[in-house]
PDB file of N, CA and C in Angstrom:
ATOM      1  N   GLY A   1       2.181 -23.316  -3.265  1.00  0.00           N
ATOM      2  CA  GLY A   1       1.046 -23.615  -2.980  1.00  0.00           C
ATOM      3  C   GLY A   1       0.498 -22.069  -2.930  1.00  0.00           C
ATOM      4  N   ASP A   2       1.587 -20.627  -3.874  1.00  0.00           N
ATOM      5  CA  ASP A   2       0.521 -19.598  -4.268  1.00  0.00           C
ATOM      6  C   ASP A   2       0.098 -19.842  -4.926  1.00  0.00           C
ATOM      7  N   GLY A   3      -0.387 -20.491  -5.915  1.00  0.00           N
ATOM      8  CA  GLY A   3      -0.602 -20.463  -7.677  1.00  0.00           C
ATOM      9  C   GLY A   3       0.065 -20.514  -8.489  1.00  0.00           C
ATOM     10  N   VAL A   4       0.912 -19.922  -8.368  1.00  0.00           N
ATOM     11  CA  VAL A   4       1.867 -19.921  -9.820  1.00  0.00           C
ATOM     12  C   VAL A   4       2.487 -20.642 -10.119  1.00  0.00           C
ATOM     13  N   THR A   5       2.952 -21.351 -11.203  1.00  0.00           N
ATOM     14  CA  THR A   5       3.667 -22.354 -11.370  1.00  0.00           C
ATOM     15  C   THR A   5       5.010 -21.964 -11.302  1.00  0.00           C
ATOM     16  N   ASN A   6       5.963 -22.813 -10.595  1.00  0.00           N
ATOM     17  CA  ASN A   6       7.732 -22.850 -10.241  1.00  0.00           C
ATOM     18  C   ASN A   6       7.897 -22.473 -11.690  1.00  0.00           C
ATOM     19  N   GLY A   7       7.872 -22.883 -13.296  1.00  0.00           N
ATOM     20  CA  GLY A   7       8.340 -22.104 -14.170  1.00  0.00           C
ATOM     21  C   GLY A   7       7.871 -20.199 -14.177  1.00  0.00           C
ATOM     22  N   ASP A   8       6.709 -19.883 -14.007  1.00  0.00           N
ATOM     23  CA  ASP A   8       6.582 -19.351 -14.161  1.00  0.00           C
ATOM     24  C   ASP A   8       6.888 -17.981 -13.115  1.00  0.00           C
ATOM     25  N   GLU A   9       7.575 -18.187 -12.288  1.00  0.00           N
ATOM     26  CA  GLU A   9       7.937 -17.934 -10.686  1.00  0.00           C
ATOM     27  C   GLU A   9       9.591 -16.945 -11.668  1.00  0.00           C
ATOM     28  N   ILE A  10       9.471 -19.092 -12.290  1.00  0.00           N
ATOM     29  CA  ILE A  10      11.189 -18.501 -12.065  1.00  0.00           C
ATOM     30  C   ILE A  10      11.624 -16.899 -13.633  1.00  0.00           C
ATOM     31  N   SER A  11      10.682 -17.278 -14.142  1.00  0.00           N
ATOM     32  CA  SER A  11      10.508 -16.546 -15.622  1.00  0.00           C
ATOM     33  C   SER A  11      10.392 -15.307 -14.818  1.00  0.00           C
ATOM     34  N   ASP A  12       9.951 -14.501 -14.077  1.00  0.00           N
ATOM     35  CA  ASP A  12       9.067 -13.468 -13.597  1.00  0.00           C
ATOM     36  C   ASP A  12      10.272 -12.956 -12.354  1.00  0.00           C
ATOM     37  N   GLY A  13      11.273 -13.604 -12.176  1.00  0.00           N
ATOM     38  CA  GLY A  13      12.352 -13.628 -10.767  1.00  0.00           C
ATOM     39  C   GLY A  13      11.870 -13.756 -10.174  1.00  0.00           C
ATOM     40  N   THR A  14       9.947 -14.248  -9.594  1.00  0.00           N
ATOM     41  CA  THR A  14       9.949 -14.315  -8.410  1.00  0.00           C
ATOM     42  C   THR A  14      10.295 -15.211  -7.231  1.00  0.00           C
ATOM     43  N   ASP A  15      10.142 -15.840  -5.765  1.00  0.00           N
ATOM     44  CA  ASP A  15      11.526 -17.399  -5.712  1.00  0.00           C
ATOM     45  C   ASP A  15      10.016 -18.678  -5.590  1.00  0.00           C
ATOM     46  N   PRO A  16      10.386 -19.352  -6.033  1.00  0.00           N
ATOM     47  CA  PRO A  16       8.869 -20.515  -5.865  1.00  0.00           C
ATOM     48  C   PRO A  16       9.209 -21.404  -5.045  1.00  0.00           C
ATOM     49  N   THR A  17       9.925 -21.137  -3.577  1.00  0.00           N
ATOM     50  CA  THR A  17      10.141 -21.494  -2.202  1.00  0.00           C
ATOM     51  C   THR A  17       9.721 -20.543  -1.601  1.00  0.00           C
ATOM     52  N   ASP A  18       8.950 -19.104  -2.215  1.00  0.00           N
ATOM     53  CA  ASP A  18       8.739 -18.461  -0.411  1.00  0.00           C
ATOM     54  C   ASP A  18       7.126 -18.094  -1.242  1.00  0.00           C
ATOM     55  N   PRO A  19       6.225 -18.998  -0.485  1.00  0.00           N
ATOM     56  CA  PRO A  19       4.783 -18.497  -0.493  1.00  0.00           C
ATOM     57  C   PRO A  19       4.443 -17.724  -0.537  1.00  0.00           C
ATOM     58  N   CYS A  20       5.016 -16.302  -0.338  1.00  0.00           N
ATOM     59  CA  CYS A  20       4.783 -14.614  -0.024  1.00  0.00           C
ATOM     60  C   CYS A  20       5.177 -13.808  -1.020  1.00  0.00           C
ATOM     61  N   ASP A  21       5.768 -14.575  -1.657  1.00  0.00           N
ATOM     62  CA  ASP A  21       6.971 -14.188  -3.144  1.00  0.00           C
ATOM     63  C   ASP A  21       6.522 -14.565  -4.445  1.00  0.00           C
ATOM     64  N   PHE A  22       5.724 -13.945  -5.428  1.00  0.00           N
ATOM     65  CA  PHE A  22       4.486 -14.009  -6.483  1.00  0.00           C
ATOM     66  C   PHE A  22       4.174 -12.704  -6.954  1.00  0.00           C
ATOM     67  N   ASP A  23       3.632 -12.781  -8.515  1.00  0.00           N
ATOM     68  CA  ASP A  23       3.301 -12.057  -9.159  1.00  0.00           C
ATOM     69  C   ASP A  23       1.719 -12.710  -9.478  1.00  0.00           C
ATOM     70  N   SER A  24       0.864 -11.399  -8.708  1.00  0.00           N
ATOM     71  CA  SER A  24      -0.407 -12.371  -8.267  1.00  0.00           C
ATOM     72  C   SER A  24      -1.371 -12.084 -10.512  1.00  0.00           C
ATOM     73  N   ALA A  25      -0.930 -11.892 -11.024  1.00  0.00           N
ATOM     74  CA  ALA A  25      -1.199 -11.538 -11.808  1.00  0.00           C
ATOM     75  C   ALA A  25      -1.016 -13.366 -12.872  1.00  0.00           C
ATOM     76  N   ASN A  26       0.018 -13.895 -12.274  1.00  0.00           N
ATOM     77  CA  ASN A  26       0.244 -15.080 -13.245  1.00  0.00           C
ATOM     78  C   ASN A  26      -0.169 -16.572 -12.240  1.00  0.00           C
ATOM     79  N   ILE A  27      -1.225 -16.373 -11.591  1.00  0.00           N
ATOM     80  CA  ILE A  27      -1.916 -16.905 -10.183  1.00  0.00           C
ATOM     81  C   ILE A  27      -2.612 -17.498 -11.727  1.00  0.00           C
ATOM     82  N   THR A  28      -2.484 -19.535 -11.732  1.00  0.00           N
ATOM     83  CA  THR A  28      -3.013 -20.140 -12.604  1.00  0.00           C
ATOM     84  C   THR A  28      -3.634 -21.618 -11.708  1.00  0.00           C
ATOM     85  N   LEU A  29      -3.552 -21.624 -10.592  1.00  0.00           N
ATOM     86  CA  LEU A  29      -3.647 -23.375 -10.153  1.00  0.00           C
ATOM     87  C   LEU A  29      -4.197 -22.226  -9.009  1.00  0.00           C
ATOM     88  N   ALA A  30      -5.307 -23.191  -7.902  1.00  0.00           N
ATOM     89  CA  ALA A  30      -5.794 -22.756  -6.583  1.00  0.00           C
ATOM     90  C   ALA A  30      -4.780 -22.673  -5.735  1.00  0.00           C
ATOM     91  N   GLN A  31      -4.712 -21.965  -4.998  1.00  0.00           N
ATOM     92  CA  GLN A  31      -3.360 -21.765  -3.891  1.00  0.00           C
ATOM     93  C   GLN A  31      -3.752 -22.387  -2.018  1.00  0.00           C
ATOM     94  N   SER A  32      -2.915 -22.915  -2.499  1.00  0.00           N
ATOM     95  CA  SER A  32      -2.994 -23.843  -1.079  1.00  0.00           C
ATOM     96  C   SER A  32      -1.436 -23.970  -0.402  1.00  0.00           C
ATOM     97  N   GLY A  33      -1.346 -24.986   0.323  1.00  0.00           N
ATOM     98  CA  GLY A  33      -0.876 -25.334   1.537  1.00  0.00           C
ATOM     99  C   GLY A  33       0.192 -24.777   2.613  1.00  0.00           C
ATOM    100  N   ASP A  34       1.391 -24.385   1.782  1.00  0.00           N
ATOM    101  CA  ASP A  34       2.155 -23.164   2.621  1.00  0.00           C
ATOM    102  C   ASP A  34       1.683 -21.303   2.629  1.00  0.00           C
ATOM    103  N   TYR A  35       0.863 -21.605   1.060  1.00  0.00           N
ATOM    104  CA  TYR A  35       0.216 -20.286   1.133  1.00  0.00           C
ATOM    105  C   TYR A  35      -0.906 -19.715   2.094  1.00  0.00           C
ATOM    106  N   LEU A  36      -1.746 -21.241   1.921  1.00  0.00           N
ATOM    107  CA  LEU A  36      -2.799 -20.520   3.289  1.00  0.00           C
ATOM    108  C   LEU A  36      -2.003 -20.559   4.698  1.00  0.00           C
ATOM    109  N   THR A  37      -0.675 -20.966   4.731  1.00  0.00           N
ATOM    110  CA  THR A  37      -1.163 -20.637   6.018  1.00  0.00           C
ATOM    111  C   THR A  37      -0.099 -19.778   6.955  1.00  0.00           C
ATOM    112  N   ALA A  38       0.380 -19.570   5.918  1.00  0.00           N
ATOM    113  CA  ALA A  38       1.782 -18.043   5.432  1.00  0.00           C
ATOM    114  C   ALA A  38       0.416 -17.110   5.988  1.00  0.00           C
ATOM    115  N   ASP A  39       0.911 -15.407   6.452  1.00  0.00           N
ATOM    116  CA  ASP A  39       0.648 -14.834   6.811  1.00  0.00           C
ATOM    117  C   ASP A  39       1.550 -14.039   6.060  1.00  0.00           C
ATOM    118  N   CYS A  40       0.969 -13.288   4.767  1.00  0.00           N
ATOM    119  CA  CYS A  40       2.484 -12.859   4.174  1.00  0.00           C
ATOM    120  C   CYS A  40       2.156 -10.625   4.123  1.00  0.00           C
ATOM    121  N   ASP A  41       1.052 -10.244   4.644  1.00  0.00           N
ATOM    122  CA  ASP A  41       0.666  -9.131   4.788  1.00  0.00           C
ATOM    123  C   ASP A  41       1.350  -8.465   6.045  1.00  0.00           C
ATOM    124  N   GLY A  42       1.871 -10.039   7.370  1.00  0.00           N
ATOM    125  CA  GLY A  42       1.875  -9.980   8.629  1.00  0.00           C
ATOM    126  C   GLY A  42       0.998  -8.780   9.758  1.00  0.00           C
ATOM    127  N   ASP A  43      -0.649  -9.434   9.229  1.00  0.00           N
ATOM    128  CA  ASP A  43      -1.223  -8.819  10.171  1.00  0.00           C
ATOM    129  C   ASP A  43      -1.882  -9.648  11.235  1.00  0.00           C
ATOM    130  N   GLY A  44      -0.959 -10.417  11.438  1.00  0.00           N
ATOM    131  CA  GLY A  44      -1.094 -11.452  12.217  1.00  0.00           C
ATOM    132  C   GLY A  44      -2.705 -12.506  11.883  1.00  0.00           C
ATOM    133  N   VAL A  45      -2.844 -12.787  10.691  1.00  0.00           N
ATOM    134  CA  VAL A  45      -4.314 -13.871  10.470  1.00  0.00           C
ATOM    135  C   VAL A  45      -3.127 -14.184   9.183  1.00  0.00           C
ATOM    136  N   THR A  46      -3.998 -15.337   9.485  1.00  0.00           N
ATOM    137  CA  THR A  46      -3.230 -16.235   7.740  1.00  0.00           C
ATOM    138  C   THR A  46      -4.208 -15.911   6.814  1.00  0.00           C
ATOM    139  N   ASN A  47      -3.184 -16.270   5.338  1.00  0.00           N
ATOM    140  CA  ASN A  47      -3.934 -16.015   4.007  1.00  0.00           C
ATOM    141  C   ASN A  47      -4.506 -16.289   4.315  1.00  0.00           C
ATOM    142  N   GLY A  48      -4.930 -17.611   4.067  1.00  0.00           N
ATOM    143  CA  GLY A  48      -6.091 -18.080   4.229  1.00  0.00           C
ATOM    144  C   GLY A  48      -7.327 -18.380   5.094  1.00  0.00           C
ATOM    145  N   ASP A  49      -7.437 -17.766   6.702  1.00  0.00           N
ATOM    146  CA  ASP A  49      -8.883 -17.159   6.775  1.00  0.00           C
ATOM    147  C   ASP A  49      -8.976 -15.960   6.033  1.00  0.00           C
ATOM    148  N   GLU A  50      -7.490 -14.828   5.751  1.00  0.00           N
ATOM    149  CA  GLU A  50      -8.083 -13.588   5.308  1.00  0.00           C
ATOM    150  C   GLU A  50      -9.250 -14.191   3.855  1.00  0.00           C
ATOM    151  N   ILE A  51      -8.881 -14.998   3.041  1.00  0.00           N
ATOM    152  CA  ILE A  51      -9.391 -15.662   1.753  1.00  0.00           C
ATOM    153  C   ILE A  51     -11.098 -15.836   2.426  1.00  0.00           C
ATOM    154  N   SER A  52     -11.190 -16.615   3.329  1.00  0.00           N
ATOM    155  CA  SER A  52     -11.799 -17.041   3.918  1.00  0.00           C
ATOM    156  C   SER A  52     -13.143 -16.368   4.124  1.00  0.00           C
ATOM    157  N   ASP A  53     -12.675 -14.511   4.564  1.00  0.00           N
ATOM    158  CA  ASP A  53     -13.020 -13.580   5.559  1.00  0.00           C
ATOM    159  C   ASP A  53     -13.313 -12.808   4.427  1.00  0.00           C
ATOM    160  N   GLY A  54     -12.734 -12.840   3.395  1.00  0.00           N
ATOM    161  CA  GLY A  54     -13.539 -11.849   2.591  1.00  0.00           C
ATOM    162  C   GLY A  54     -12.251 -10.572   2.577  1.00  0.00           C
ATOM    163  N   THR A  55     -11.339 -10.799   3.165  1.00  0.00           N
ATOM    164  CA  THR A  55     -10.549  -9.861   3.379  1.00  0.00           C
ATOM    165  C   THR A  55      -9.403  -9.748   2.732  1.00  0.00           C
ATOM    166  N   ASP A  56      -8.245  -9.128   2.650  1.00  0.00           N
ATOM    167  CA  ASP A  56      -7.575  -9.129   1.526  1.00  0.00           C
ATOM    168  C   ASP A  56      -5.873  -9.555   2.121  1.00  0.00           C
ATOM    169  N   PRO A  57      -5.556 -10.336   1.749  1.00  0.00           N
ATOM    170  CA  PRO A  57      -4.046 -10.865   2.301  1.00  0.00           C
ATOM    171  C   PRO A  57      -2.995 -10.033   1.938  1.00  0.00           C
ATOM    172  N   THR A  58      -2.867  -9.463   1.249  1.00  0.00           N
ATOM    173  CA  THR A  58      -1.718  -8.436   0.723  1.00  0.00           C
ATOM    174  C   THR A  58      -2.332  -7.982   2.044  1.00  0.00           C
ATOM    175  N   ASP A  59      -3.083  -6.667   2.546  1.00  0.00           N
ATOM    176  CA  ASP A  59      -2.924  -5.620   2.662  1.00  0.00           C
ATOM    177  C   ASP A  59      -3.126  -5.232   4.313  1.00  0.00           C
ATOM    178  N   PRO A  60      -2.464  -4.960   5.005  1.00  0.00           N
ATOM    179  CA  PRO A  60      -1.403  -5.052   6.679  1.00  0.00           C
ATOM    180  C   PRO A  60      -3.412  -4.754   7.360  1.00  0.00           C
ATOM    181  N   CYS A  61      -3.802  -4.285   6.609  1.00  0.00           N
ATOM    182  CA  CYS A  61      -4.956  -3.010   7.221  1.00  0.00           C
ATOM    183  C   CYS A  61      -6.248  -3.670   7.016  1.00  0.00           C
ATOM    184  N   ASP A  62      -6.275  -4.384   6.542  1.00  0.00           N
ATOM    185  CA  ASP A  62      -7.834  -5.708   5.779  1.00  0.00           C
ATOM    186  C   ASP A  62      -7.271  -6.859   6.686  1.00  0.00           C
ATOM    187  N   PHE A  63      -7.849  -6.902   7.406  1.00  0.00           N
ATOM    188  CA  PHE A  63      -8.108  -8.004   8.463  1.00  0.00           C
ATOM    189  C   PHE A  63      -9.408  -8.188   9.392  1.00  0.00           C
ATOM    190  N   ASP A  64     -10.053  -9.511   9.688  1.00  0.00           N
ATOM    191  CA  ASP A  64     -11.327  -9.307  10.630  1.00  0.00           C
ATOM    192  C   ASP A  64     -10.057  -9.954  12.145  1.00  0.00           C
ATOM    193  N   SER A  65     -10.793  -8.669  13.006  1.00  0.00           N
ATOM    194  CA  SER A  65     -10.021  -9.250  14.162  1.00  0.00           C
ATOM    195  C   SER A  65      -9.657 -10.618  14.910  1.00  0.00           C
ATOM    196  N   THR A  66     -11.387 -11.201  14.888  1.00  0.00           N
ATOM    197  CA  THR A  66     -11.397 -12.213  15.411  1.00  0.00           C
ATOM    198  C   THR A  66     -10.371 -12.886  15.145  1.00  0.00           C
ATOM    199  N   ASN A  67      -9.479 -13.230  13.831  1.00  0.00           N
ATOM    200  CA  ASN A  67      -8.919 -14.355  13.454  1.00  0.00           C
ATOM    201  C   ASN A  67      -7.321 -14.066  13.874  1.00  0.00           C
ATOM    202  N   ILE A  68      -6.986 -12.948  14.568  1.00  0.00           N
ATOM    203  CA  ILE A  68      -5.554 -13.186  14.478  1.00  0.00           C
ATOM    204  C   ILE A  68      -4.923 -13.830  15.486  1.00  0.00           C
ATOM    205  N   THR A  69      -4.009 -15.169  14.773  1.00  0.00           N
ATOM    206  CA  THR A  69      -3.478 -15.497  15.739  1.00  0.00           C
ATOM    207  C   THR A  69      -1.988 -15.195  16.414  1.00  0.00           C
TER     208      THR A  69
END
């Protein structure tokens, strides 16, 4: 669900089973599923909410505090 094909993740050494381990330069698919429900930066806001809010899901200092779950 991170938007990178498993083949590309195997090629670049990232884990295709970890929604937070990917090279953003290789995103070719829509991000969905596990990626959107994960909190890759650990700020308490899901990646999906951060995308909706326009904040950066990889920056723990960039979030809308009203969406902390």
